[in-house]
């Protein structure tokens, strides 16, 4: 599997942008839920919009016809997903559940 440098330099930032949109929208939704008059509508509407636009972005990155390889390259999708996952790991580390200093384990 050979990665074109141009593919990496365009697909990875695109994945980061898609991730920022997706997880930023998720954070916005979660913060608005306590004050929402229709939380179910907000939850499902946000989920639908975030998923539709994110999947569309992944599809566009995969079908882009730049470089020598043409459209429909799964390698670009893989690189894009790596950027998306980087944003996910960063968001979970920053806004995820608080960690306790002492962990208690139950022994059976």
C-alpha atoms as a PDB file:
ATOM      1  CA  UNK A   1       0.000   0.000   0.000  1.00  0.00           C
ATOM      2  CA  UNK A   2       1.575   3.245  -1.170  1.00  0.00           C
ATOM      3  CA  UNK A   3       0.302   6.592   0.066  1.00  0.00           C
ATOM      4  CA  UNK A   4       0.628   9.595  -2.168  1.00  0.00           C
ATOM      5  CA  UNK A   5       2.011  12.607  -0.251  1.00  0.00           C
ATOM      6  CA  UNK A   6      -0.675  14.843  -1.736  1.00  0.00           C
ATOM      7  CA  UNK A   7      -3.370  12.456  -0.501  1.00  0.00           C
ATOM      8  CA  UNK A   8      -1.984  12.596   3.031  1.00  0.00           C
ATOM      9  CA  UNK A   9      -1.643  16.386   3.002  1.00  0.00           C
ATOM     10  CA  UNK A  10      -5.249  16.848   1.906  1.00  0.00           C
ATOM     11  CA  UNK A  11      -7.182  13.906   3.379  1.00  0.00           C
ATOM     12  CA  UNK A  12      -5.769  14.126   6.924  1.00  0.00           C
ATOM     13  CA  UNK A  13      -6.699  17.798   7.466  1.00  0.00           C
ATOM     14  CA  UNK A  14     -10.086  17.083   5.904  1.00  0.00           C
ATOM     15  CA  UNK A  15     -10.582  14.342   8.509  1.00  0.00           C
ATOM     16  CA  UNK A  16      -9.577  16.735  11.268  1.00  0.00           C
ATOM     17  CA  UNK A  17     -12.105  19.261   9.976  1.00  0.00           C
ATOM     18  CA  UNK A  18     -14.861  16.650   9.806  1.00  0.00           C
ATOM     19  CA  UNK A  19     -13.970  15.550  13.337  1.00  0.00           C
ATOM     20  CA  UNK A  20     -14.064  19.100  14.678  1.00  0.00           C
ATOM     21  CA  UNK A  21     -17.483  19.569  13.088  1.00  0.00           C
ATOM     22  CA  UNK A  22     -18.826  16.253  14.403  1.00  0.00           C
ATOM     23  CA  UNK A  23     -17.515  16.388  17.967  1.00  0.00           C
ATOM     24  CA  UNK A  24     -18.018  20.147  18.247  1.00  0.00           C
ATOM     25  CA  UNK A  25     -21.638  19.601  17.273  1.00  0.00           C
ATOM     26  CA  UNK A  26     -21.912  16.802  19.810  1.00  0.00           C
ATOM     27  CA  UNK A  27     -20.499  19.020  22.559  1.00  0.00           C
ATOM     28  CA  UNK A  28     -22.872  21.828  21.581  1.00  0.00           C
ATOM     29  CA  UNK A  29     -25.824  19.411  21.689  1.00  0.00           C
ATOM     30  CA  UNK A  30     -24.906  17.989  25.091  1.00  0.00           C
ATOM     31  CA  UNK A  31     -24.495  21.471  26.569  1.00  0.00           C
ATOM     32  CA  UNK A  32     -27.888  22.594  25.235  1.00  0.00           C
ATOM     33  CA  UNK A  33     -29.825  19.536  26.410  1.00  0.00           C
ATOM     34  CA  UNK A  34     -30.513  20.734  30.000  1.00  0.00           C
ATOM     35  CA  UNK A  35     -32.209  23.913  28.779  1.00  0.00           C
ATOM     36  CA  UNK A  36     -33.926  22.481  25.712  1.00  0.00           C
ATOM     37  CA  UNK A  37     -37.709  22.365  25.645  1.00  0.00           C
ATOM     38  CA  UNK A  38     -37.597  19.419  23.225  1.00  0.00           C
ATOM     39  CA  UNK A  39     -34.494  17.385  24.098  1.00  0.00           C
ATOM     40  CA  UNK A  40     -35.460  14.354  21.986  1.00  0.00           C
ATOM     41  CA  UNK A  41     -35.829  16.522  18.880  1.00  0.00           C
ATOM     42  CA  UNK A  42     -32.506  18.218  19.612  1.00  0.00           C
ATOM     43  CA  UNK A  43     -30.743  14.886  20.163  1.00  0.00           C
ATOM     44  CA  UNK A  44     -32.052  13.114  17.066  1.00  0.00           C
ATOM     45  CA  UNK A  45     -31.875  16.198  14.865  1.00  0.00           C
ATOM     46  CA  UNK A  46     -28.283  16.858  15.836  1.00  0.00           C
ATOM     47  CA  UNK A  47     -27.399  13.187  15.351  1.00  0.00           C
ATOM     48  CA  UNK A  48     -28.951  13.124  11.889  1.00  0.00           C
ATOM     49  CA  UNK A  49     -27.301  16.357  10.736  1.00  0.00           C
ATOM     50  CA  UNK A  50     -23.866  15.469  12.145  1.00  0.00           C
ATOM     51  CA  UNK A  51     -23.893  11.982  10.631  1.00  0.00           C
ATOM     52  CA  UNK A  52     -25.244  13.029   7.252  1.00  0.00           C
ATOM     53  CA  UNK A  53     -22.716  15.822   6.767  1.00  0.00           C
ATOM     54  CA  UNK A  54     -19.802  13.805   8.172  1.00  0.00           C
ATOM     55  CA  UNK A  55     -20.502  10.774   5.987  1.00  0.00           C
ATOM     56  CA  UNK A  56     -20.890  13.102   3.017  1.00  0.00           C
ATOM     57  CA  UNK A  57     -17.518  14.622   3.807  1.00  0.00           C
ATOM     58  CA  UNK A  58     -15.879  11.201   4.017  1.00  0.00           C
ATOM     59  CA  UNK A  59     -17.462  10.240   0.703  1.00  0.00           C
ATOM     60  CA  UNK A  60     -16.231  13.432  -0.982  1.00  0.00           C
ATOM     61  CA  UNK A  61     -12.693  12.875   0.304  1.00  0.00           C
ATOM     62  CA  UNK A  62     -12.717   9.281  -0.926  1.00  0.00           C
ATOM     63  CA  UNK A  63     -14.131  10.229  -4.351  1.00  0.00           C
ATOM     64  CA  UNK A  64     -11.874  13.256  -4.897  1.00  0.00           C
ATOM     65  CA  UNK A  65     -10.028  12.959  -8.206  1.00  0.00           C
ATOM     66  CA  UNK A  66      -6.780  14.657  -7.318  1.00  0.00           C
ATOM     67  CA  UNK A  67      -3.381  13.084  -7.887  1.00  0.00           C
ATOM     68  CA  UNK A  68      -2.558  10.223 -10.218  1.00  0.00           C
ATOM     69  CA  UNK A  69      -4.885   7.639  -8.708  1.00  0.00           C
ATOM     70  CA  UNK A  70      -8.279   9.084  -9.585  1.00  0.00           C
ATOM     71  CA  UNK A  71     -11.510   8.720  -7.633  1.00  0.00           C
ATOM     72  CA  UNK A  72     -12.666   5.985  -5.291  1.00  0.00           C
ATOM     73  CA  UNK A  73      -9.487   5.364  -3.342  1.00  0.00           C
ATOM     74  CA  UNK A  74     -10.054   3.724   0.051  1.00  0.00           C
ATOM     75  CA  UNK A  75      -6.594   4.850   1.172  1.00  0.00           C
ATOM     76  CA  UNK A  76      -7.808   8.452   1.275  1.00  0.00           C
ATOM     77  CA  UNK A  77     -10.741   7.369   3.417  1.00  0.00           C
ATOM     78  CA  UNK A  78      -8.332   5.634   5.809  1.00  0.00           C
ATOM     79  CA  UNK A  79      -6.159   8.745   6.091  1.00  0.00           C
ATOM     80  CA  UNK A  80      -9.260  10.896   6.608  1.00  0.00           C
ATOM     81  CA  UNK A  81     -10.491   8.558   9.358  1.00  0.00           C
ATOM     82  CA  UNK A  82      -7.107   8.882  11.074  1.00  0.00           C
ATOM     83  CA  UNK A  83      -7.601  12.659  11.278  1.00  0.00           C
ATOM     84  CA  UNK A  84     -11.156  12.151  12.530  1.00  0.00           C
ATOM     85  CA  UNK A  85      -9.977   9.725  15.240  1.00  0.00           C
ATOM     86  CA  UNK A  86      -7.235  12.143  16.326  1.00  0.00           C
ATOM     87  CA  UNK A  87      -9.942  14.719  17.049  1.00  0.00           C
ATOM     88  CA  UNK A  88     -11.987  12.076  18.876  1.00  0.00           C
ATOM     89  CA  UNK A  89      -9.095  11.087  21.147  1.00  0.00           C
ATOM     90  CA  UNK A  90      -8.320  14.738  21.826  1.00  0.00           C
ATOM     91  CA  UNK A  91     -11.960  15.550  22.636  1.00  0.00           C
ATOM     92  CA  UNK A  92     -12.338  12.568  24.960  1.00  0.00           C
ATOM     93  CA  UNK A  93      -9.107  13.478  26.754  1.00  0.00           C
ATOM     94  CA  UNK A  94     -10.164  17.091  27.145  1.00  0.00           C
ATOM     95  CA  UNK A  95     -13.894  16.790  27.863  1.00  0.00           C
ATOM     96  CA  UNK A  96     -14.271  13.134  28.837  1.00  0.00           C
ATOM     97  CA  UNK A  97     -15.162  11.806  32.273  1.00  0.00           C
ATOM     98  CA  UNK A  98     -13.010  12.941  35.167  1.00  0.00           C
ATOM     99  CA  UNK A  99     -10.429  10.431  36.285  1.00  0.00           C
ATOM    100  CA  UNK A 100      -9.980   9.544  39.911  1.00  0.00           C
ATOM    101  CA  UNK A 101      -6.552   9.210  41.442  1.00  0.00           C
ATOM    102  CA  UNK A 102      -7.359   5.981  43.273  1.00  0.00           C
ATOM    103  CA  UNK A 103      -8.958   3.151  41.428  1.00  0.00           C
ATOM    104  CA  UNK A 104     -10.837   0.516  43.381  1.00  0.00           C
ATOM    105  CA  UNK A 105     -11.073  -2.947  41.970  1.00  0.00           C
ATOM    106  CA  UNK A 106     -13.349  -5.660  43.130  1.00  0.00           C
ATOM    107  CA  UNK A 107     -11.782  -9.066  43.489  1.00  0.00           C
ATOM    108  CA  UNK A 108     -13.915 -12.092  43.028  1.00  0.00           C
END
